[in-house]
Protein backbone atom coordinates (compact mmCIF):
# COMPACT_ATOMS: atom_id res chain seq x y z
CA MET A 1 99.59 175.76 106.17
CA SER A 2 101.24 173.86 103.32
CA GLU A 3 101.62 174.47 99.60
CA PHE A 4 98.85 171.92 98.99
CA ASP A 5 96.32 174.18 100.75
CA PHE A 6 96.35 176.36 97.63
CA GLU A 7 95.29 173.58 95.26
CA PRO A 8 91.92 174.37 93.66
CA VAL A 9 91.15 170.63 93.83
CA HIS A 10 93.00 168.23 96.12
CA GLY A 11 95.77 166.56 94.13
CA LEU A 12 95.16 168.67 91.00
CA PRO A 13 96.77 171.93 89.88
CA GLU A 14 93.48 173.27 88.49
CA HIS A 15 89.77 172.65 88.39
CA LEU A 16 88.62 169.86 86.10
CA PRO A 17 87.40 171.14 82.75
CA GLU A 18 83.77 170.75 81.76
CA GLY A 19 82.93 167.17 80.89
CA GLU A 20 85.73 165.64 83.00
CA VAL A 21 84.68 163.74 86.10
CA LEU A 22 86.72 162.60 89.07
CA ARG A 23 86.53 158.80 89.41
CA TRP A 24 89.08 157.97 92.10
CA GLN A 25 91.82 159.46 94.25
CA GLY A 26 94.34 157.80 96.51
CA ALA A 27 97.84 158.02 97.92
CA PRO A 28 100.62 155.53 98.49
CA LYS A 29 100.66 153.81 101.86
CA TRP A 30 103.85 155.14 103.40
CA ARG A 31 104.65 151.99 105.38
CA ALA A 32 104.48 149.91 102.21
CA LEU A 33 106.48 152.59 100.40
CA ALA A 34 109.19 152.33 103.07
CA LEU A 35 109.46 148.58 102.47
CA ARG A 36 108.95 148.41 98.70
CA ALA A 37 110.60 151.58 97.40
CA PHE A 38 113.03 152.62 100.13
CA HIS A 39 113.85 149.05 101.22
CA VAL A 40 114.08 149.83 104.93
CA ARG A 41 113.89 146.14 105.84
CA LYS A 42 116.73 145.22 103.47
CA VAL A 43 118.88 148.04 104.81
CA GLY A 44 118.25 146.80 108.35
CA LEU A 45 119.16 143.25 107.32
CA TYR A 46 122.34 144.48 105.63
CA PHE A 47 123.51 146.34 108.73
CA GLY A 48 122.50 143.40 110.91
CA LEU A 49 124.80 141.12 108.93
CA LEU A 50 127.61 143.67 109.22
CA ILE A 51 127.16 143.89 112.98
CA LEU A 52 127.15 140.10 113.35
CA ALA A 53 130.25 139.78 111.17
CA ARG A 54 132.06 142.45 113.20
CA PHE A 55 131.02 140.80 116.46
CA ALA A 56 132.18 137.36 115.28
CA PHE A 57 135.49 138.78 114.03
CA ASP A 58 136.20 140.53 117.32
CA LEU A 59 135.42 137.42 119.36
CA GLY A 60 137.59 135.31 117.09
CA ASP A 61 140.41 137.81 117.57
CA GLY A 62 140.31 137.27 121.31
CA THR A 63 138.38 140.41 122.22
CA SER A 64 136.23 140.25 125.34
CA LEU A 65 132.46 139.97 124.98
CA SER A 66 131.79 143.45 126.33
CA THR A 67 134.40 145.03 124.05
CA ALA A 68 133.03 143.14 121.04
CA LEU A 69 129.55 144.42 121.80
CA MET A 70 130.80 147.97 122.14
CA SER A 71 132.75 147.80 118.88
CA GLY A 72 129.52 147.12 116.96
CA SER A 73 127.55 149.89 118.65
CA TRP A 74 128.58 152.50 116.08
CA LEU A 75 127.25 150.25 113.29
CA LEU A 76 123.97 149.90 115.17
CA ALA A 77 123.72 153.68 115.52
CA LEU A 78 124.45 154.10 111.81
CA ALA A 79 121.82 151.49 110.94
CA LEU A 80 119.16 153.22 113.04
CA LEU A 81 120.04 156.58 111.47
CA ALA A 82 119.85 155.21 107.92
CA MET A 83 116.57 153.41 108.55
CA GLY A 84 115.14 156.48 110.24
CA ILE A 85 116.02 158.73 107.30
CA LEU A 86 114.55 156.30 104.77
CA THR A 87 111.37 155.91 106.83
CA LEU A 88 111.02 159.70 107.07
CA LEU A 89 111.44 160.01 103.29
CA ALA A 90 108.78 157.34 102.74
CA TRP A 91 106.40 159.23 105.03
CA LEU A 92 107.09 162.53 103.24
CA TYR A 93 106.59 160.97 99.79
CA GLY A 94 103.41 159.25 100.93
CA ARG A 95 102.10 162.52 102.36
CA SER A 96 102.91 164.59 99.26
CA THR A 97 101.75 162.14 96.57
CA VAL A 98 98.21 161.92 95.23
CA TYR A 99 97.01 159.65 92.44
CA THR A 100 93.93 160.81 90.54
CA ILE A 101 91.84 158.95 87.97
CA THR A 102 89.24 160.85 85.96
CA ASN A 103 87.19 159.75 82.99
CA LYS A 104 89.94 161.09 80.68
CA ARG A 105 93.34 160.81 82.32
CA VAL A 106 95.54 159.78 85.21
CA VAL A 107 97.23 162.52 87.23
CA ILE A 108 100.20 161.91 89.50
CA ARG A 109 100.96 164.76 91.89
CA PHE A 110 104.17 164.29 93.85
CA GLY A 111 107.23 166.07 95.20
CA VAL A 112 108.55 166.75 98.70
CA ALA A 113 110.44 169.99 98.08
CA LEU A 114 108.74 170.95 94.81
CA SER A 115 105.26 169.79 93.86
CA ILE A 116 104.86 168.41 90.32
CA ALA A 117 101.69 167.20 88.62
CA VAL A 118 102.05 164.84 85.65
CA ASN A 119 99.04 164.34 83.36
CA ILE A 120 98.74 161.02 81.53
CA PRO A 121 95.83 161.11 79.05
CA PHE A 122 94.10 157.81 78.35
CA LYS A 123 94.92 158.17 74.67
CA VAL A 124 98.66 157.62 75.38
CA ILE A 125 98.15 154.64 77.70
CA GLU A 126 98.80 151.43 75.83
CA SER A 127 98.50 148.95 78.72
CA ALA A 128 98.04 148.76 82.46
CA GLY A 129 99.31 146.12 84.85
CA LEU A 130 98.58 145.07 88.41
CA ARG A 131 100.86 143.74 91.13
CA ARG A 132 99.35 142.79 94.49
CA TYR A 133 101.14 142.68 97.83
CA GLY A 134 99.79 141.76 101.22
CA GLY A 135 97.01 143.65 102.91
CA GLY A 136 95.37 144.80 99.68
CA VAL A 137 98.30 147.04 98.76
CA GLY A 138 99.67 146.95 95.22
CA ASP A 139 101.11 148.72 92.19
CA ILE A 140 99.53 149.75 88.88
CA PRO A 141 102.18 150.40 86.18
CA LEU A 142 101.06 152.17 83.01
CA GLY A 143 102.62 151.25 79.67
CA LEU A 144 102.75 154.19 77.28
CA MET A 145 102.53 154.31 73.50
CA GLY A 146 105.69 154.45 71.45
CA GLY A 147 107.10 157.95 71.40
CA GLN A 148 105.60 158.74 74.82
CA SER A 149 107.81 158.61 77.89
CA VAL A 150 108.44 160.02 81.34
CA ASN A 151 111.71 160.84 83.09
CA TYR A 152 112.61 157.97 85.43
CA ILE A 153 114.65 160.10 87.83
CA VAL A 154 112.10 162.91 88.05
CA MET A 155 109.16 160.53 88.49
CA TRP A 156 110.76 158.16 91.03
CA PRO A 157 109.34 156.45 93.05
CA ASN A 158 106.20 156.72 90.91
CA VAL A 159 107.69 154.63 88.11
CA ARG A 160 107.99 150.94 87.40
CA PRO A 161 111.25 149.63 88.92
CA TRP A 162 114.27 149.10 86.67
CA ARG A 163 112.60 150.54 83.54
CA PHE A 164 115.18 153.28 83.05
CA PHE A 165 114.50 153.50 79.33
CA ASN A 166 110.87 153.68 78.19
CA ALA A 167 110.02 154.35 81.82
CA GLN A 168 106.49 153.49 82.90
CA PRO A 169 104.65 155.76 85.34
CA MET A 170 103.17 153.78 88.20
CA LEU A 171 100.60 154.17 90.94
CA ARG A 172 102.74 152.72 93.72
CA CYS A 173 101.83 151.04 97.01
CA VAL A 174 98.16 151.89 96.57
CA PRO A 175 95.86 150.67 99.37
CA ASP A 176 92.84 148.69 98.15
CA VAL A 177 94.58 148.36 94.81
CA ASP A 178 91.90 146.06 93.35
CA THR A 179 89.31 148.83 93.61
CA ALA A 180 91.64 151.38 92.02
CA ALA A 181 92.53 148.95 89.21
CA GLU A 182 88.89 148.17 88.51
CA ILE A 183 87.97 151.86 88.35
CA LEU A 184 90.88 152.56 86.01
CA ALA A 185 90.01 149.63 83.74
CA GLU A 186 86.37 150.74 83.53
CA ALA A 187 87.42 154.33 82.79
CA LEU A 188 89.79 153.18 80.03
CA ARG A 189 87.11 150.98 78.44
CA ALA A 190 84.53 153.77 78.62
CA SER A 191 87.00 156.17 77.01
CA ALA A 192 87.74 153.66 74.26
CA ASP A 193 84.02 153.13 73.60
CA ALA A 194 83.42 156.88 73.45
CA GLU A 195 86.28 157.30 70.97
CA GLN A 196 84.93 154.48 68.80
CA GLU A 197 81.54 156.16 68.67
CA ARG A 198 83.13 159.49 67.83
CA VAL A 199 85.30 158.14 65.01
CA PRO A 200 83.71 154.82 63.97
CA SER A 201 85.76 154.57 60.80
CA GLU A 202 89.16 154.56 62.50
CA ARG A 203 90.17 150.93 63.06
CA PRO A 204 92.10 149.76 64.84
CA ALA A 205 92.05 152.41 67.56
CA GLN A 206 95.31 153.78 68.87
CA GLY A 207 96.83 154.37 72.30
CA GLY A 208 94.35 154.10 75.11
CA GLN A 209 91.68 152.85 72.73
CA GLY A 210 90.95 149.17 72.88
CA ILE A 211 92.76 148.76 76.19
CA PRO A 212 92.69 145.09 77.24
CA PRO A 213 91.39 144.12 80.68
CA MET A 214 93.73 144.84 83.57
CA ASN A 215 96.09 141.90 83.94
CA ALA A 216 98.29 140.94 86.86
CA GLU A 217 101.99 141.04 86.04
CA PRO A 218 105.21 140.90 88.09
CA VAL A 219 106.78 144.17 89.06
CA PRO A 220 110.35 144.19 90.47
CA SER A 221 110.86 145.58 93.95
CA ARG A 222 112.72 148.70 92.79
């Protein structure tokens, strides 16, 4: 039994209030998370270059082939350990993270040791982007209104890379990202239309109101 077994609704800390409807739920694909957020492949390449450099140095110094191979074995062991730890972390983050889209907000539930749920109402979302990777996996960063922010360190890896200030929460390494992006865009437009009907005299609308269509935009790898 895990702490998530006590959630009243999967991925949410409480039942949805009356009038709020669940539109979509998903979780990051841990293999993509290992490559995109934890950079397992780059770490392996880095250690591979170190091992080759050490091997070449030893051979150039007159060391025998067998001794040169043995001298790099500790680097290989260190590389496998580092890659294993990062892969395990990616699996744990993928297992503990749930992205939820309702007709009123986005909820990001995450945390390996301590579960945290962050609510992002549509009214504070100023823009939404889309970055596709291979296999239908991609990221959806959310730009927030001025004065609204999240803590980059607390939210990582569910934030847009390198945005330390004015950090943007992000649905990261989402499988079938086009479907998730379309559902989010439709929910944002429906929320904006409902707000316009409720307060027809307020123009232009603020925050999540009048959200433009979801546009593809580059997102750095970390």
